[in-house]
C-alpha cells in the first residue's frame, strides 16, 4: 500500500526509533488524504 501511495520511506522501516516511524506514518496519512481531497 505504501509503495502505491508514493511513501517509499514506509515501505521498509528505516527508522530505528518508533516515534520517528509514527511521525512519518502520520505525515504520509495526511499526504494521502490531501491528495484524495484535491481530486
N, C-alpha and C. Protein backbone atom coordinates (compact mmCIF):
# COMPACT_ATOMS: atom_id res chain seq x y z
N UNK A 1 0.82 -1.20 0.00
CA UNK A 1 0.00 0.00 0.00
C UNK A 1 0.86 1.26 0.00
N UNK A 2 1.88 1.28 0.84
CA UNK A 2 2.70 2.49 0.92
C UNK A 2 3.45 2.72 -0.39
N UNK A 3 3.86 1.65 -1.07
CA UNK A 3 4.56 1.82 -2.33
C UNK A 3 3.65 2.44 -3.37
N UNK A 4 2.37 2.04 -3.37
CA UNK A 4 1.42 2.59 -4.33
C UNK A 4 1.12 4.04 -4.04
N UNK A 5 1.13 4.41 -2.79
CA UNK A 5 0.81 5.79 -2.41
C UNK A 5 2.00 6.72 -2.56
N UNK A 6 3.17 6.18 -2.88
CA UNK A 6 4.34 7.01 -3.07
C UNK A 6 5.11 7.29 -1.79
N UNK A 7 4.86 6.56 -0.75
CA UNK A 7 5.54 6.76 0.53
C UNK A 7 6.60 5.68 0.69
N UNK A 8 7.69 5.85 -0.02
CA UNK A 8 8.73 4.81 -0.04
C UNK A 8 9.37 4.62 1.32
N UNK A 9 9.40 5.66 2.11
CA UNK A 9 10.05 5.56 3.42
C UNK A 9 9.30 4.59 4.33
N UNK A 10 8.01 4.40 4.11
CA UNK A 10 7.23 3.49 4.93
C UNK A 10 7.20 2.08 4.35
N UNK A 11 7.67 1.94 3.12
CA UNK A 11 7.67 0.61 2.50
C UNK A 11 8.58 -0.34 3.28
N UNK A 12 9.69 0.18 3.70
CA UNK A 12 10.61 -0.57 4.57
C UNK A 12 10.93 0.34 5.74
N UNK A 13 10.91 -0.19 6.91
CA UNK A 13 11.10 0.63 8.10
C UNK A 13 12.58 0.96 8.28
N UNK A 14 12.94 2.19 7.93
CA UNK A 14 14.32 2.65 8.04
C UNK A 14 14.60 3.27 9.41
N UNK A 15 13.56 3.72 10.07
CA UNK A 15 13.73 4.43 11.33
C UNK A 15 13.99 3.45 12.47
N UNK A 16 14.93 3.79 13.32
CA UNK A 16 15.22 2.92 14.46
C UNK A 16 14.33 3.25 15.65
N UNK A 17 13.90 4.50 15.74
CA UNK A 17 13.04 4.90 16.86
C UNK A 17 11.58 4.81 16.44
N UNK A 18 10.75 4.21 17.29
CA UNK A 18 9.33 4.10 16.94
C UNK A 18 8.63 5.45 16.81
N UNK A 19 9.11 6.46 17.53
CA UNK A 19 8.48 7.79 17.45
C UNK A 19 8.66 8.38 16.05
N UNK A 20 9.81 8.16 15.47
CA UNK A 20 10.06 8.68 14.12
C UNK A 20 9.21 7.95 13.09
N UNK A 21 9.07 6.64 13.26
CA UNK A 21 8.25 5.86 12.34
C UNK A 21 6.79 6.31 12.41
N UNK A 22 6.30 6.55 13.63
CA UNK A 22 4.92 7.01 13.78
C UNK A 22 4.73 8.41 13.21
N UNK A 23 5.75 9.25 13.32
CA UNK A 23 5.66 10.59 12.74
C UNK A 23 5.56 10.51 11.21
N UNK A 24 6.41 9.68 10.60
CA UNK A 24 6.34 9.53 9.14
C UNK A 24 5.02 8.89 8.72
N UNK A 25 4.48 8.00 9.53
CA UNK A 25 3.18 7.41 9.23
C UNK A 25 2.09 8.49 9.24
N UNK A 26 2.12 9.36 10.22
CA UNK A 26 1.14 10.45 10.30
C UNK A 26 1.28 11.41 9.12
N UNK A 27 2.50 11.75 8.77
CA UNK A 27 2.73 12.64 7.63
C UNK A 27 2.23 12.01 6.34
N UNK A 28 2.51 10.74 6.16
CA UNK A 28 2.08 10.05 4.95
C UNK A 28 0.57 9.93 4.87
N UNK A 29 -0.05 9.66 5.99
CA UNK A 29 -1.52 9.58 6.02
C UNK A 29 -2.13 10.92 5.66
N UNK A 30 -1.57 11.99 6.19
CA UNK A 30 -2.06 13.33 5.85
C UNK A 30 -1.89 13.63 4.37
N UNK A 31 -0.75 13.25 3.83
CA UNK A 31 -0.48 13.49 2.41
C UNK A 31 -1.43 12.69 1.52
N UNK A 32 -1.68 11.45 1.88
CA UNK A 32 -2.61 10.63 1.10
C UNK A 32 -4.02 11.22 1.13
N UNK A 33 -4.46 11.65 2.31
CA UNK A 33 -5.79 12.25 2.42
C UNK A 33 -5.87 13.57 1.65
N UNK A 34 -4.81 14.36 1.70
CA UNK A 34 -4.79 15.62 0.95
C UNK A 34 -4.91 15.36 -0.55
N UNK A 35 -4.18 14.37 -1.03
CA UNK A 35 -4.25 14.04 -2.45
C UNK A 35 -5.63 13.58 -2.86
N UNK A 36 -6.28 12.84 -1.99
CA UNK A 36 -7.64 12.38 -2.31
C UNK A 36 -8.62 13.54 -2.33
N UNK A 37 -8.48 14.47 -1.39
CA UNK A 37 -9.39 15.61 -1.34
C UNK A 37 -9.13 16.59 -2.47
N UNK A 38 -7.90 16.65 -2.94
CA UNK A 38 -7.55 17.59 -4.01
C UNK A 38 -8.12 17.17 -5.36
N UNK A 39 -8.48 15.90 -5.49
CA UNK A 39 -9.01 15.42 -6.77
C UNK A 39 -10.38 15.95 -7.05
